[in-house]
N, C-alpha and C. Protein backbone atom coordinates (compact mmCIF):
# COMPACT_ATOMS: atom_id res chain seq x y z
N MET A 1 -12.45 -22.51 65.00
CA MET A 1 -11.81 -21.36 64.40
C MET A 1 -12.78 -20.68 63.46
N ARG A 2 -12.50 -19.40 63.24
CA ARG A 2 -13.34 -18.64 62.31
C ARG A 2 -12.46 -17.65 61.54
N CYS A 3 -12.97 -17.16 60.43
CA CYS A 3 -12.27 -16.18 59.60
C CYS A 3 -13.11 -14.92 59.55
N ASP A 4 -12.48 -13.78 59.87
CA ASP A 4 -13.18 -12.49 59.90
C ASP A 4 -12.41 -11.46 59.07
N LEU A 5 -13.12 -10.44 58.63
CA LEU A 5 -12.48 -9.28 58.04
C LEU A 5 -11.74 -8.56 59.16
N ALA A 6 -10.47 -8.23 58.94
CA ALA A 6 -9.63 -7.65 59.97
C ALA A 6 -9.89 -6.16 60.16
N HIS A 7 -9.66 -5.71 61.36
CA HIS A 7 -9.63 -4.28 61.68
C HIS A 7 -8.16 -3.86 61.61
N SER A 8 -7.90 -2.55 61.60
CA SER A 8 -6.51 -2.08 61.51
C SER A 8 -5.67 -2.59 62.68
N SER A 9 -6.24 -2.74 63.85
CA SER A 9 -5.48 -3.27 64.99
C SER A 9 -5.12 -4.74 64.78
N ASP A 10 -5.97 -5.48 64.07
CA ASP A 10 -5.66 -6.88 63.76
C ASP A 10 -4.45 -6.97 62.84
N ARG A 11 -4.36 -6.06 61.88
CA ARG A 11 -3.23 -6.06 60.96
C ARG A 11 -1.93 -5.92 61.75
N LYS A 12 -1.92 -5.00 62.71
CA LYS A 12 -0.71 -4.78 63.52
C LYS A 12 -0.37 -6.02 64.35
N THR A 13 -1.38 -6.73 64.82
CA THR A 13 -1.16 -7.96 65.58
C THR A 13 -0.47 -9.02 64.71
N LEU A 14 -0.76 -9.01 63.41
CA LEU A 14 -0.19 -10.01 62.51
C LEU A 14 1.24 -9.69 62.08
N TYR A 15 1.70 -8.46 62.24
CA TYR A 15 3.04 -8.08 61.78
C TYR A 15 4.13 -9.04 62.27
N PRO A 16 4.22 -9.33 63.57
CA PRO A 16 5.32 -10.20 64.02
C PRO A 16 5.24 -11.60 63.42
N PHE A 17 4.03 -12.16 63.28
CA PHE A 17 3.88 -13.49 62.68
C PHE A 17 4.39 -13.49 61.24
N ARG A 18 3.97 -12.49 60.49
CA ARG A 18 4.35 -12.40 59.09
C ARG A 18 5.85 -12.15 58.94
N ALA A 19 6.39 -11.28 59.78
CA ALA A 19 7.83 -10.98 59.69
C ALA A 19 8.66 -12.22 60.01
N GLU A 20 8.17 -13.05 60.91
CA GLU A 20 8.91 -14.26 61.32
C GLU A 20 9.03 -15.27 60.18
N VAL A 21 8.01 -15.37 59.36
CA VAL A 21 8.04 -16.36 58.27
C VAL A 21 8.50 -15.77 56.94
N TRP A 22 8.75 -14.47 56.92
CA TRP A 22 9.19 -13.80 55.69
C TRP A 22 10.52 -14.38 55.26
N LYS A 23 10.64 -14.78 54.02
CA LYS A 23 11.87 -15.38 53.50
C LYS A 23 12.58 -14.48 52.50
N GLY A 24 12.19 -13.24 52.43
CA GLY A 24 12.80 -12.30 51.49
C GLY A 24 14.04 -11.65 52.06
N PRO A 25 14.56 -10.66 51.35
CA PRO A 25 15.80 -10.01 51.75
C PRO A 25 15.64 -8.97 52.87
N LEU A 26 14.43 -8.74 53.37
CA LEU A 26 14.22 -7.75 54.41
C LEU A 26 14.39 -8.35 55.79
N THR A 27 14.87 -7.53 56.73
CA THR A 27 14.88 -7.94 58.13
C THR A 27 13.45 -7.88 58.64
N ALA A 28 13.20 -8.42 59.83
CA ALA A 28 11.86 -8.37 60.41
C ALA A 28 11.42 -6.92 60.59
N GLU A 29 12.32 -6.06 61.03
CA GLU A 29 11.98 -4.65 61.24
C GLU A 29 11.65 -3.97 59.91
N GLN A 30 12.43 -4.27 58.87
CA GLN A 30 12.16 -3.69 57.55
C GLN A 30 10.83 -4.20 57.00
N PHE A 31 10.55 -5.47 57.21
CA PHE A 31 9.30 -6.05 56.75
C PHE A 31 8.11 -5.37 57.42
N ILE A 32 8.19 -5.16 58.73
CA ILE A 32 7.10 -4.51 59.46
C ILE A 32 6.92 -3.07 58.98
N ALA A 33 8.03 -2.36 58.75
CA ALA A 33 7.94 -0.99 58.22
C ALA A 33 7.28 -0.98 56.85
N ARG A 34 7.60 -1.97 56.02
CA ARG A 34 6.98 -2.08 54.69
C ARG A 34 5.48 -2.31 54.82
N GLU A 35 5.09 -3.20 55.73
CA GLU A 35 3.67 -3.47 55.95
C GLU A 35 2.94 -2.20 56.38
N GLU A 36 3.52 -1.45 57.31
CA GLU A 36 2.89 -0.22 57.78
C GLU A 36 2.71 0.77 56.63
N CYS A 37 3.73 0.92 55.80
CA CYS A 37 3.62 1.83 54.64
C CYS A 37 2.55 1.36 53.68
N LEU A 38 2.50 0.07 53.42
CA LEU A 38 1.52 -0.48 52.48
C LEU A 38 0.11 -0.24 52.97
N TYR A 39 -0.16 -0.51 54.24
CA TYR A 39 -1.52 -0.34 54.76
C TYR A 39 -1.91 1.13 54.90
N ASP A 40 -0.92 2.03 55.06
CA ASP A 40 -1.21 3.47 55.15
C ASP A 40 -1.37 4.11 53.77
N HIS A 41 -0.89 3.46 52.73
CA HIS A 41 -0.96 3.98 51.37
C HIS A 41 -2.41 3.93 50.87
N PRO A 42 -2.81 4.86 49.98
CA PRO A 42 -4.17 4.82 49.44
C PRO A 42 -4.55 3.46 48.83
N PHE A 43 -3.59 2.77 48.17
CA PHE A 43 -3.88 1.44 47.64
C PHE A 43 -4.26 0.50 48.78
N GLY A 44 -3.48 0.52 49.85
CA GLY A 44 -3.75 -0.35 50.99
C GLY A 44 -5.08 -0.06 51.67
N LYS A 45 -5.49 1.19 51.61
CA LYS A 45 -6.74 1.59 52.25
C LYS A 45 -7.97 1.31 51.39
N THR A 46 -7.79 1.28 50.05
CA THR A 46 -8.96 1.14 49.17
C THR A 46 -9.00 -0.15 48.36
N LYS A 47 -7.85 -0.77 48.15
CA LYS A 47 -7.78 -1.94 47.26
C LYS A 47 -7.35 -3.22 47.97
N MET A 48 -7.23 -3.17 49.29
CA MET A 48 -6.81 -4.35 50.05
C MET A 48 -7.78 -4.62 51.19
N GLU A 49 -8.03 -5.89 51.40
CA GLU A 49 -8.77 -6.33 52.58
C GLU A 49 -7.94 -7.40 53.25
N THR A 50 -7.89 -7.36 54.57
CA THR A 50 -7.16 -8.36 55.33
C THR A 50 -8.18 -9.21 56.07
N TYR A 51 -7.97 -10.52 56.02
CA TYR A 51 -8.81 -11.47 56.72
C TYR A 51 -7.96 -12.18 57.77
N VAL A 52 -8.56 -12.46 58.93
CA VAL A 52 -7.85 -13.07 60.04
C VAL A 52 -8.55 -14.35 60.46
N TRP A 53 -7.75 -15.41 60.61
CA TRP A 53 -8.26 -16.64 61.21
C TRP A 53 -8.04 -16.52 62.70
N ARG A 54 -9.08 -16.85 63.47
CA ARG A 54 -9.02 -16.70 64.93
C ARG A 54 -9.40 -18.01 65.62
N HIS A 55 -8.80 -18.21 66.78
CA HIS A 55 -9.28 -19.27 67.67
C HIS A 55 -10.67 -18.87 68.14
N ASP A 56 -11.37 -19.80 68.72
CA ASP A 56 -12.71 -19.51 69.24
C ASP A 56 -12.69 -18.40 70.29
N ASP A 57 -11.55 -18.22 70.97
CA ASP A 57 -11.46 -17.16 71.98
C ASP A 57 -11.18 -15.78 71.37
N GLY A 58 -11.07 -15.70 70.02
CA GLY A 58 -10.85 -14.43 69.33
C GLY A 58 -9.41 -14.10 69.05
N HIS A 59 -8.48 -14.89 69.57
CA HIS A 59 -7.04 -14.64 69.37
C HIS A 59 -6.67 -14.93 67.91
N PRO A 60 -6.04 -13.94 67.20
CA PRO A 60 -5.64 -14.18 65.80
C PRO A 60 -4.47 -15.16 65.71
N VAL A 61 -4.57 -16.07 64.74
CA VAL A 61 -3.51 -17.05 64.54
C VAL A 61 -2.91 -16.99 63.14
N SER A 62 -3.61 -16.41 62.19
CA SER A 62 -3.11 -16.31 60.83
C SER A 62 -3.95 -15.29 60.07
N GLY A 63 -3.44 -14.88 58.91
CA GLY A 63 -4.20 -13.93 58.13
C GLY A 63 -3.78 -13.93 56.68
N LEU A 64 -4.56 -13.25 55.87
CA LEU A 64 -4.23 -13.09 54.45
C LEU A 64 -4.73 -11.76 53.97
N ASP A 65 -4.09 -11.26 52.92
CA ASP A 65 -4.53 -10.04 52.27
C ASP A 65 -5.12 -10.38 50.91
N ALA A 66 -6.22 -9.76 50.58
CA ALA A 66 -6.82 -9.87 49.25
C ALA A 66 -6.64 -8.51 48.57
N LEU A 67 -5.85 -8.48 47.50
CA LEU A 67 -5.53 -7.25 46.79
C LEU A 67 -6.30 -7.19 45.48
N GLN A 68 -7.03 -6.11 45.25
CA GLN A 68 -7.76 -5.91 44.00
C GLN A 68 -6.80 -5.31 42.99
N ILE A 69 -6.47 -6.09 41.97
CA ILE A 69 -5.53 -5.62 40.96
C ILE A 69 -6.04 -5.97 39.56
N PRO A 70 -5.62 -5.20 38.55
CA PRO A 70 -6.00 -5.54 37.18
C PRO A 70 -5.13 -6.66 36.62
N PHE A 71 -5.74 -7.55 35.89
CA PHE A 71 -5.03 -8.61 35.18
C PHE A 71 -5.19 -8.37 33.69
N LEU A 72 -4.19 -8.72 32.93
CA LEU A 72 -4.28 -8.66 31.47
C LEU A 72 -4.63 -10.06 30.97
N VAL A 73 -5.69 -10.15 30.19
CA VAL A 73 -6.19 -11.42 29.69
C VAL A 73 -6.19 -11.39 28.17
N LYS A 74 -5.70 -12.45 27.57
CA LYS A 74 -5.69 -12.53 26.11
C LYS A 74 -6.96 -13.22 25.64
N GLU A 75 -7.65 -12.56 24.71
CA GLU A 75 -8.84 -13.13 24.07
C GLU A 75 -8.59 -13.10 22.57
N GLY A 76 -8.27 -14.26 22.00
CA GLY A 76 -7.90 -14.31 20.59
C GLY A 76 -6.61 -13.54 20.39
N THR A 77 -6.67 -12.49 19.61
CA THR A 77 -5.48 -11.66 19.40
C THR A 77 -5.52 -10.39 20.24
N ALA A 78 -6.62 -10.18 20.95
CA ALA A 78 -6.78 -8.96 21.76
C ALA A 78 -6.35 -9.21 23.21
N ILE A 79 -5.86 -8.15 23.83
CA ILE A 79 -5.52 -8.18 25.25
C ILE A 79 -6.47 -7.21 25.94
N LYS A 80 -7.13 -7.68 27.00
CA LYS A 80 -8.01 -6.79 27.73
C LYS A 80 -7.68 -6.84 29.21
N GLU A 81 -8.03 -5.78 29.90
CA GLU A 81 -7.78 -5.68 31.32
C GLU A 81 -9.05 -6.04 32.08
N VAL A 82 -8.91 -6.93 33.06
CA VAL A 82 -10.04 -7.31 33.90
C VAL A 82 -9.62 -7.19 35.36
N GLU A 83 -10.58 -6.89 36.21
CA GLU A 83 -10.30 -6.80 37.63
C GLU A 83 -10.12 -8.20 38.20
N GLY A 84 -9.15 -8.34 39.06
CA GLY A 84 -8.89 -9.62 39.70
C GLY A 84 -8.51 -9.44 41.14
N VAL A 85 -8.32 -10.53 41.82
CA VAL A 85 -7.92 -10.52 43.22
C VAL A 85 -6.70 -11.40 43.38
N LEU A 86 -5.68 -10.85 44.02
CA LEU A 86 -4.46 -11.59 44.35
C LEU A 86 -4.49 -11.86 45.84
N ILE A 87 -4.31 -13.11 46.22
CA ILE A 87 -4.28 -13.49 47.63
C ILE A 87 -2.83 -13.57 48.08
N ALA A 88 -2.53 -12.85 49.16
CA ALA A 88 -1.16 -12.86 49.70
C ALA A 88 -1.21 -13.25 51.15
């Protein structure tokens, strides 16, 4: 197996897998619509990277999103904002 940076077509391939394991209040169809909106949004295009785990034959089996987001960190009595990555 290997892990690669996903292309937009890979993201669409992962939708059914992700919708199937989703445990939130959305239906599979609603979850897929949410994913499409997220990836089409400027945040999804500039602040997210999707990685795909593939079998040796190239077939995707799993994936994750890395989201670049600011974190608030306390230093003594001061709070500062630092860039971080959230894995989803």
